[in-house]
Amino acid sequence: MAQAGSFVPAAEAELPLFDRVFSRIGAQDDLAAGQSTFMVEMVETAHIRHHATPDSLVILDEVGRGTSTFDGMAIARAVVEFLHNRKEVSARTLFATHYHELTSLADVLPRVQNMHVGVHEEGAEVIFEHRILPGPSDRSYGIHVARLAGLPGAVVTRAEHLLSELEASRPATGIPLPAAPANLQPSLFGGPSPVESELARMDVDGMTPIEAIQKLYELRSAARANLEGPRK
């Protein structure tokens, strides 16, 4: 907005110039074209990956929400690592997520910083302050938002009870994440794996979305088979 000449609500600011602005926000599906919400999300994210430059602004909202928790978290983290580690795509990025486990990336990726929206709690009441503060959020407020949206009290109460049960059964450390790779350099002691070779040969731009997702599942199965090794 500042680049377009709009008012900047600040006493002073140093703002860069962007060549393009990319955004992946909202949920949308195209059933006629055979594209689910998750498929549309992945196609748009892939488009950003192919066209963003270090001078671009990338805005990503809840990447990975359209699939299972672990799949979504893995994809979200991989996207963050890719944008961070690849110099040709290392755009300035705003990445909004409710995967609290991803906040640990700030400890291993030097250019990642956590920010959260300020919240003031008064007993059972929650007030969203519309302020951006440094650091990760210590919790989610989905049930409070559901109450504000007018969800029936019985549903909210039941949700609070279920949340307490889930939090009690969850390990104290949460879901562990593997260490982020320091770089993307291949091993010095071996060539590329079959999966890497297949990825290098893929004509992604010439694929339809359905073909791309099918190939992704095939490569994932092959990668898992390589990790598990031969069965005895």
C-alpha atoms as a PDB file:
ATOM      1  CA  MET A   1       0.000   0.000   0.000  1.00  0.00           C
ATOM      2  CA  ALA A   2       2.876   2.355   0.784  1.00  0.00           C
ATOM      3  CA  GLN A   3       4.435   1.571  -2.593  1.00  0.00           C
ATOM      4  CA  ALA A   4       1.142   2.542  -4.224  1.00  0.00           C
ATOM      5  CA  GLY A   5       1.173   5.876  -2.380  1.00  0.00           C
ATOM      6  CA  SER A   6      -1.178   5.029   0.473  1.00  0.00           C
ATOM      7  CA  PHE A   7      -0.890   6.485   3.969  1.00  0.00           C
ATOM      8  CA  VAL A   8       1.504   4.686   6.336  1.00  0.00           C
ATOM      9  CA  PRO A   9       0.264   4.904   9.955  1.00  0.00           C
ATOM     10  CA  ALA A  10       3.679   5.368  11.562  1.00  0.00           C
ATOM     11  CA  ALA A  11       5.883   8.195  12.783  1.00  0.00           C
ATOM     12  CA  GLU A  12       8.622   6.870  10.500  1.00  0.00           C
ATOM     13  CA  ALA A  13       9.225   3.719   8.488  1.00  0.00           C
ATOM     14  CA  GLU A  14      11.806   2.145   6.197  1.00  0.00           C
ATOM     15  CA  LEU A  15       9.995   0.116   3.548  1.00  0.00           C
ATOM     16  CA  PRO A  16      11.453  -1.849   0.623  1.00  0.00           C
ATOM     17  CA  LEU A  17      10.189  -1.806  -2.956  1.00  0.00           C
ATOM     18  CA  PHE A  18       8.581  -5.061  -4.145  1.00  0.00           C
ATOM     19  CA  ASP A  19       8.526  -6.345  -7.712  1.00  0.00           C
ATOM     20  CA  ARG A  20       5.390  -8.454  -7.102  1.00  0.00           C
ATOM     21  CA  VAL A  21       3.014  -9.392  -4.304  1.00  0.00           C
ATOM     22  CA  PHE A  22       1.910 -13.034  -3.971  1.00  0.00           C
ATOM     23  CA  SER A  23      -0.821 -14.188  -1.609  1.00  0.00           C
ATOM     24  CA  ARG A  24      -2.315 -17.565  -0.673  1.00  0.00           C
ATOM     25  CA  ILE A  25      -5.257 -16.653   1.520  1.00  0.00           C
ATOM     26  CA  GLY A  26      -8.687 -18.154   2.038  1.00  0.00           C
ATOM     27  CA  ALA A  27     -10.352 -21.453   1.182  1.00  0.00           C
ATOM     28  CA  GLN A  28     -11.679 -22.153  -2.276  1.00  0.00           C
ATOM     29  CA  ASP A  29     -12.421 -25.248  -4.296  1.00  0.00           C
ATOM     30  CA  ASP A  30     -13.294 -25.906  -7.935  1.00  0.00           C
ATOM     31  CA  LEU A  31     -15.253 -29.134  -8.022  1.00  0.00           C
ATOM     32  CA  ALA A  32     -16.019 -28.828 -11.732  1.00  0.00           C
ATOM     33  CA  ALA A  33     -12.303 -28.894 -12.471  1.00  0.00           C
ATOM     34  CA  GLY A  34     -11.659 -31.667  -9.946  1.00  0.00           C
ATOM     35  CA  GLN A  35      -9.779 -29.390  -7.555  1.00  0.00           C
ATOM     36  CA  SER A  36     -10.427 -29.568  -3.814  1.00  0.00           C
ATOM     37  CA  THR A  37      -9.660 -26.695  -1.465  1.00  0.00           C
ATOM     38  CA  PHE A  38      -6.376 -28.374  -0.612  1.00  0.00           C
ATOM     39  CA  MET A  39      -5.524 -28.859  -4.303  1.00  0.00           C
ATOM     40  CA  VAL A  40      -6.175 -25.188  -5.050  1.00  0.00           C
ATOM     41  CA  GLU A  41      -4.008 -24.269  -2.059  1.00  0.00           C
ATOM     42  CA  MET A  42      -1.136 -26.439  -3.295  1.00  0.00           C
ATOM     43  CA  VAL A  43      -1.405 -25.178  -6.889  1.00  0.00           C
ATOM     44  CA  GLU A  44      -1.303 -21.549  -5.741  1.00  0.00           C
ATOM     45  CA  THR A  45       1.598 -22.249  -3.373  1.00  0.00           C
ATOM     46  CA  ALA A  46       3.480 -23.962  -6.219  1.00  0.00           C
ATOM     47  CA  HIS A  47       2.873 -20.909  -8.417  1.00  0.00           C
ATOM     48  CA  ILE A  48       4.442 -18.698  -5.746  1.00  0.00           C
ATOM     49  CA  ARG A  49       7.408 -21.047  -5.482  1.00  0.00           C
ATOM     50  CA  HIS A  50       8.029 -20.802  -9.250  1.00  0.00           C
ATOM     51  CA  HIS A  51       7.623 -17.052  -9.669  1.00  0.00           C
ATOM     52  CA  ALA A  52       8.631 -15.300  -6.423  1.00  0.00           C
ATOM     53  CA  THR A  53      11.982 -13.525  -6.292  1.00  0.00           C
ATOM     54  CA  PRO A  54      14.051 -12.078  -3.406  1.00  0.00           C
ATOM     55  CA  ASP A  55      12.360  -8.729  -4.175  1.00  0.00           C
ATOM     56  CA  SER A  56       8.818 -10.087  -3.850  1.00  0.00           C
ATOM     57  CA  LEU A  57       6.372  -9.984  -0.956  1.00  0.00           C
ATOM     58  CA  VAL A  58       4.741 -13.339  -0.136  1.00  0.00           C
ATOM     59  CA  ILE A  59       1.687 -13.640   2.137  1.00  0.00           C
ATOM     60  CA  LEU A  60       0.718 -17.190   3.121  1.00  0.00           C
ATOM     61  CA  ASP A  61      -2.213 -17.969   5.401  1.00  0.00           C
ATOM     62  CA  GLU A  62      -2.658 -21.368   7.071  1.00  0.00           C
ATOM     63  CA  VAL A  63      -0.790 -23.457   4.503  1.00  0.00           C
ATOM     64  CA  GLY A  64      -1.604 -27.142   5.014  1.00  0.00           C
ATOM     65  CA  ARG A  65      -4.975 -26.719   6.701  1.00  0.00           C
ATOM     66  CA  GLY A  66      -6.863 -28.683   4.032  1.00  0.00           C
ATOM     67  CA  THR A  67      -5.371 -32.075   4.915  1.00  0.00           C
ATOM     68  CA  SER A  68      -4.458 -34.130   7.981  1.00  0.00           C
ATOM     69  CA  THR A  69      -2.603 -32.457  10.845  1.00  0.00           C
ATOM     70  CA  PHE A  70       0.717 -34.196  10.259  1.00  0.00           C
ATOM     71  CA  ASP A  71       0.623 -33.851   6.462  1.00  0.00           C
ATOM     72  CA  GLY A  72      -0.361 -30.201   6.759  1.00  0.00           C
ATOM     73  CA  MET A  73       2.318 -29.444   9.326  1.00  0.00           C
ATOM     74  CA  ALA A  74       4.972 -31.163   7.225  1.00  0.00           C
ATOM     75  CA  ILE A  75       3.982 -29.239   4.089  1.00  0.00           C
ATOM     76  CA  ALA A  76       3.821 -25.926   5.962  1.00  0.00           C
ATOM     77  CA  ARG A  77       7.278 -26.439   7.437  1.00  0.00           C
ATOM     78  CA  ALA A  78       8.749 -27.517   4.098  1.00  0.00           C
ATOM     79  CA  VAL A  79       7.361 -24.358   2.458  1.00  0.00           C
ATOM     80  CA  VAL A  80       8.914 -22.162   5.159  1.00  0.00           C
ATOM     81  CA  GLU A  81      12.285 -23.907   4.833  1.00  0.00           C
ATOM     82  CA  PHE A  82      12.205 -23.631   1.042  1.00  0.00           C
ATOM     83  CA  LEU A  83      11.466 -19.889   1.064  1.00  0.00           C
ATOM     84  CA  HIS A  84      14.146 -19.388   3.714  1.00  0.00           C
ATOM     85  CA  ASN A  85      16.933 -21.545   2.274  1.00  0.00           C
ATOM     86  CA  ARG A  86      16.669 -20.975  -1.476  1.00  0.00           C
ATOM     87  CA  LYS A  87      18.437 -17.723  -2.355  1.00  0.00           C
ATOM     88  CA  GLU A  88      16.569 -17.410  -5.651  1.00  0.00           C
ATOM     89  CA  VAL A  89      13.198 -17.490  -3.832  1.00  0.00           C
ATOM     90  CA  SER A  90      14.063 -15.947  -0.452  1.00  0.00           C
ATOM     91  CA  ALA A  91      11.285 -13.365  -0.569  1.00  0.00           C
ATOM     92  CA  ARG A  92      10.113 -11.341   2.404  1.00  0.00           C
ATOM     93  CA  THR A  93       7.292 -13.532   3.698  1.00  0.00           C
ATOM     94  CA  LEU A  94       4.394 -13.219   6.133  1.00  0.00           C
ATOM     95  CA  PHE A  95       3.385 -16.749   7.133  1.00  0.00           C
ATOM     96  CA  ALA A  96       0.305 -17.111   9.354  1.00  0.00           C
ATOM     97  CA  THR A  97      -0.283 -20.494  10.979  1.00  0.00           C
ATOM     98  CA  HIS A  98      -2.003 -22.181  13.911  1.00  0.00           C
ATOM     99  CA  TYR A  99       0.572 -24.966  14.006  1.00  0.00           C
ATOM    100  CA  HIS A 100       2.288 -23.947  17.249  1.00  0.00           C
ATOM    101  CA  GLU A 101       5.032 -26.489  16.610  1.00  0.00           C
ATOM    102  CA  LEU A 102       6.276 -24.389  13.688  1.00  0.00           C
ATOM    103  CA  THR A 103       7.256 -21.551  16.002  1.00  0.00           C
ATOM    104  CA  SER A 104      10.352 -23.595  16.924  1.00  0.00           C
ATOM    105  CA  LEU A 105      11.719 -22.823  13.456  1.00  0.00           C
ATOM    106  CA  ALA A 106      12.801 -19.425  14.780  1.00  0.00           C
ATOM    107  CA  ASP A 107      15.392 -21.306  16.856  1.00  0.00           C
ATOM    108  CA  VAL A 108      16.975 -23.039  13.858  1.00  0.00           C
ATOM    109  CA  LEU A 109      16.376 -20.727  10.877  1.00  0.00           C
ATOM    110  CA  PRO A 110      18.193 -17.410  11.442  1.00  0.00           C
ATOM    111  CA  ARG A 111      15.866 -15.176   9.396  1.00  0.00           C
ATOM    112  CA  VAL A 112      12.607 -16.498  10.871  1.00  0.00           C
ATOM    113  CA  GLN A 113      10.910 -14.323  13.504  1.00  0.00           C
ATOM    114  CA  ASN A 114       7.738 -15.101  15.438  1.00  0.00           C
ATOM    115  CA  MET A 115       5.005 -12.512  15.937  1.00  0.00           C
ATOM    116  CA  HIS A 116       1.536 -12.827  17.458  1.00  0.00           C
ATOM    117  CA  VAL A 117      -1.627 -10.805  17.960  1.00  0.00           C
ATOM    118  CA  GLY A 118      -1.991  -9.326  21.438  1.00  0.00           C
ATOM    119  CA  VAL A 119      -4.812 -10.765  23.566  1.00  0.00           C
ATOM    120  CA  HIS A 120      -6.123  -9.530  26.922  1.00  0.00           C
ATOM    121  CA  GLU A 121      -7.939 -12.037  29.139  1.00  0.00           C
ATOM    122  CA  GLU A 122     -10.379 -11.057  31.873  1.00  0.00           C
ATOM    123  CA  GLY A 123     -11.628 -14.222  33.518  1.00  0.00           C
ATOM    124  CA  ALA A 124     -13.424 -16.183  30.806  1.00  0.00           C
ATOM    125  CA  GLU A 125     -13.562 -13.157  28.513  1.00  0.00           C
ATOM    126  CA  VAL A 126     -10.990 -12.600  25.790  1.00  0.00           C
ATOM    127  CA  ILE A 127     -10.335  -9.258  24.111  1.00  0.00           C
ATOM    128  CA  PHE A 128      -8.326  -9.200  20.878  1.00  0.00           C
ATOM    129  CA  GLU A 129      -6.212  -6.052  20.996  1.00  0.00           C
ATOM    130  CA  HIS A 130      -5.353  -5.817  17.274  1.00  0.00           C
ATOM    131  CA  ARG A 131      -1.688  -5.310  18.188  1.00  0.00           C
ATOM    132  CA  ILE A 132       1.220  -7.275  16.708  1.00  0.00           C
ATOM    133  CA  LEU A 133       3.747  -8.287  19.354  1.00  0.00           C
ATOM    134  CA  PRO A 134       7.079 -10.134  19.149  1.00  0.00           C
ATOM    135  CA  GLY A 135       7.328 -13.823  20.023  1.00  0.00           C
ATOM    136  CA  PRO A 136       5.015 -16.812  19.526  1.00  0.00           C
ATOM    137  CA  SER A 137       1.503 -17.090  20.925  1.00  0.00           C
ATOM    138  CA  ASP A 138       1.231 -19.389  23.946  1.00  0.00           C
ATOM    139  CA  ARG A 139      -2.174 -20.779  22.930  1.00  0.00           C
ATOM    140  CA  SER A 140      -5.006 -20.697  20.388  1.00  0.00           C
ATOM    141  CA  TYR A 141      -8.332 -18.973  20.886  1.00  0.00           C
ATOM    142  CA  GLY A 142     -10.501 -20.895  18.448  1.00  0.00           C
ATOM    143  CA  ILE A 143     -13.194 -21.706  20.998  1.00  0.00           C
ATOM    144  CA  HIS A 144     -13.383 -18.072  22.083  1.00  0.00           C
ATOM    145  CA  VAL A 145     -13.840 -17.031  18.451  1.00  0.00           C
ATOM    146  CA  ALA A 146     -16.565 -19.668  18.084  1.00  0.00           C
ATOM    147  CA  ARG A 147     -18.362 -18.150  21.085  1.00  0.00           C
ATOM    148  CA  LEU A 148     -18.042 -14.634  19.616  1.00  0.00           C
ATOM    149  CA  ALA A 149     -19.435 -15.930  16.321  1.00  0.00           C
ATOM    150  CA  GLY A 150     -22.610 -17.077  18.088  1.00  0.00           C
ATOM    151  CA  LEU A 151     -22.084 -20.837  18.149  1.00  0.00           C
ATOM    152  CA  PRO A 152     -24.660 -22.399  20.536  1.00  0.00           C
ATOM    153  CA  GLY A 153     -23.526 -22.435  24.176  1.00  0.00           C
ATOM    154  CA  ALA A 154     -23.929 -26.211  24.414  1.00  0.00           C
ATOM    155  CA  VAL A 155     -21.537 -26.677  21.487  1.00  0.00           C
ATOM    156  CA  VAL A 156     -18.967 -24.288  22.974  1.00  0.00           C
ATOM    157  CA  THR A 157     -19.164 -25.955  26.385  1.00  0.00           C
ATOM    158  CA  ARG A 158     -18.740 -29.399  24.833  1.00  0.00           C
ATOM    159  CA  ALA A 159     -15.799 -28.151  22.786  1.00  0.00           C
ATOM    160  CA  GLU A 160     -14.109 -26.800  25.919  1.00  0.00           C
ATOM    161  CA  HIS A 161     -14.569 -30.165  27.639  1.00  0.00           C
ATOM    162  CA  LEU A 162     -13.137 -32.059  24.653  1.00  0.00           C
ATOM    163  CA  LEU A 163     -10.213 -29.645  24.423  1.00  0.00           C
ATOM    164  CA  SER A 164      -9.340 -30.305  28.071  1.00  0.00           C
ATOM    165  CA  GLU A 165      -9.350 -34.049  27.419  1.00  0.00           C
ATOM    166  CA  LEU A 166      -7.162 -33.692  24.328  1.00  0.00           C
ATOM    167  CA  GLU A 167      -4.660 -31.444  26.102  1.00  0.00           C
ATOM    168  CA  ALA A 168      -4.477 -33.866  29.036  1.00  0.00           C
ATOM    169  CA  SER A 169      -3.720 -36.807  26.733  1.00  0.00           C
ATOM    170  CA  ARG A 170      -1.179 -34.943  24.627  1.00  0.00           C
ATOM    171  CA  PRO A 171       2.517 -35.277  25.541  1.00  0.00           C
ATOM    172  CA  ALA A 172       3.887 -32.261  27.386  1.00  0.00           C
ATOM    173  CA  THR A 173       6.445 -31.618  24.671  1.00  0.00           C
ATOM    174  CA  GLY A 174       3.838 -31.547  21.922  1.00  0.00           C
ATOM    175  CA  ILE A 175       4.592 -32.953  18.502  1.00  0.00           C
ATOM    176  CA  PRO A 176       8.358 -33.113  17.964  1.00  0.00           C
ATOM    177  CA  LEU A 177       9.757 -31.694  14.759  1.00  0.00           C
ATOM    178  CA  PRO A 178      12.932 -32.947  13.080  1.00  0.00           C
ATOM    179  CA  ALA A 179      15.874 -30.594  12.870  1.00  0.00           C
ATOM    180  CA  ALA A 180      15.824 -28.217   9.918  1.00  0.00           C
ATOM    181  CA  PRO A 181      18.494 -28.873   7.301  1.00  0.00           C
ATOM    182  CA  ALA A 182      21.391 -26.432   7.481  1.00  0.00           C
ATOM    183  CA  ASN A 183      21.541 -26.345   3.670  1.00  0.00           C
ATOM    184  CA  LEU A 184      20.238 -28.184   0.657  1.00  0.00           C
ATOM    185  CA  GLN A 185      23.597 -29.523  -0.563  1.00  0.00           C
ATOM    186  CA  PRO A 186      23.516 -33.223  -1.557  1.00  0.00           C
ATOM    187  CA  SER A 187      25.743 -35.766   0.112  1.00  0.00           C
ATOM    188  CA  LEU A 188      29.376 -35.849  -0.997  1.00  0.00           C
ATOM    189  CA  PHE A 189      29.431 -39.635  -0.742  1.00  0.00           C
ATOM    190  CA  GLY A 190      26.632 -40.599  -3.079  1.00  0.00           C
ATOM    191  CA  GLY A 191      24.554 -39.491  -6.040  1.00  0.00           C
ATOM    192  CA  PRO A 192      20.948 -38.404  -6.012  1.00  0.00           C
ATOM    193  CA  SER A 193      18.329 -40.862  -4.826  1.00  0.00           C
ATOM    194  CA  PRO A 194      15.762 -42.286  -7.278  1.00  0.00           C
ATOM    195  CA  VAL A 195      13.169 -39.921  -5.844  1.00  0.00           C
ATOM    196  CA  GLU A 196      15.439 -36.901  -6.385  1.00  0.00           C
ATOM    197  CA  SER A 197      16.202 -38.042  -9.928  1.00  0.00           C
ATOM    198  CA  GLU A 198      12.498 -38.392 -10.672  1.00  0.00           C
ATOM    199  CA  LEU A 199      11.832 -34.914  -9.259  1.00  0.00           C
ATOM    200  CA  ALA A 200      14.589 -33.431 -11.426  1.00  0.00           C
ATOM    201  CA  ARG A 201      13.028 -34.956 -14.569  1.00  0.00           C
ATOM    202  CA  MET A 202       9.465 -33.850 -13.820  1.00  0.00           C
ATOM    203  CA  ASP A 203       7.861 -31.271 -16.102  1.00  0.00           C
ATOM    204  CA  VAL A 204       5.813 -29.606 -13.378  1.00  0.00           C
ATOM    205  CA  ASP A 205       4.630 -26.726 -15.569  1.00  0.00           C
ATOM    206  CA  GLY A 206       3.259 -29.196 -18.128  1.00  0.00           C
ATOM    207  CA  MET A 207       1.226 -31.186 -15.595  1.00  0.00           C
ATOM    208  CA  THR A 208      -2.419 -30.747 -14.719  1.00  0.00           C
ATOM    209  CA  PRO A 209      -3.174 -30.295 -10.996  1.00  0.00           C
ATOM    210  CA  ILE A 210      -4.532 -33.858 -10.780  1.00  0.00           C
ATOM    211  CA  GLU A 211      -1.418 -35.302 -12.454  1.00  0.00           C
ATOM    212  CA  ALA A 212       0.795 -33.288 -10.092  1.00  0.00           C
ATOM    213  CA  ILE A 213      -0.916 -34.492  -6.922  1.00  0.00           C
ATOM    214  CA  GLN A 214      -0.888 -38.101  -8.173  1.00  0.00           C
ATOM    215  CA  LYS A 215       2.828 -37.877  -8.882  1.00  0.00           C
ATOM    216  CA  LEU A 216       3.379 -36.326  -5.440  1.00  0.00           C
ATOM    217  CA  TYR A 217       1.690 -39.298  -3.768  1.00  0.00           C
ATOM    218  CA  GLU A 218       3.783 -41.725  -5.857  1.00  0.00           C
ATOM    219  CA  LEU A 219       7.016 -39.980  -4.873  1.00  0.00           C
ATOM    220  CA  ARG A 220       5.969 -39.881  -1.225  1.00  0.00           C
ATOM    221  CA  SER A 221       5.329 -43.639  -1.278  1.00  0.00           C
ATOM    222  CA  ALA A 222       8.727 -44.228  -2.876  1.00  0.00           C
ATOM    223  CA  ALA A 223      10.462 -41.992  -0.325  1.00  0.00           C
ATOM    224  CA  ARG A 224       8.777 -43.787   2.577  1.00  0.00           C
ATOM    225  CA  ALA A 225       9.805 -47.140   1.123  1.00  0.00           C
ATOM    226  CA  ASN A 226      13.421 -45.961   0.922  1.00  0.00           C
ATOM    227  CA  LEU A 227      13.347 -44.757   4.522  1.00  0.00           C
ATOM    228  CA  GLU A 228      11.857 -48.004   5.819  1.00  0.00           C
ATOM    229  CA  GLY A 229      14.365 -50.108   3.885  1.00  0.00           C
ATOM    230  CA  PRO A 230      13.867 -53.692   2.767  1.00  0.00           C
ATOM    231  CA  ARG A 231      11.528 -55.731   4.933  1.00  0.00           C
ATOM    232  CA  LYS A 232      12.801 -58.937   6.452  1.00  0.00           C
END
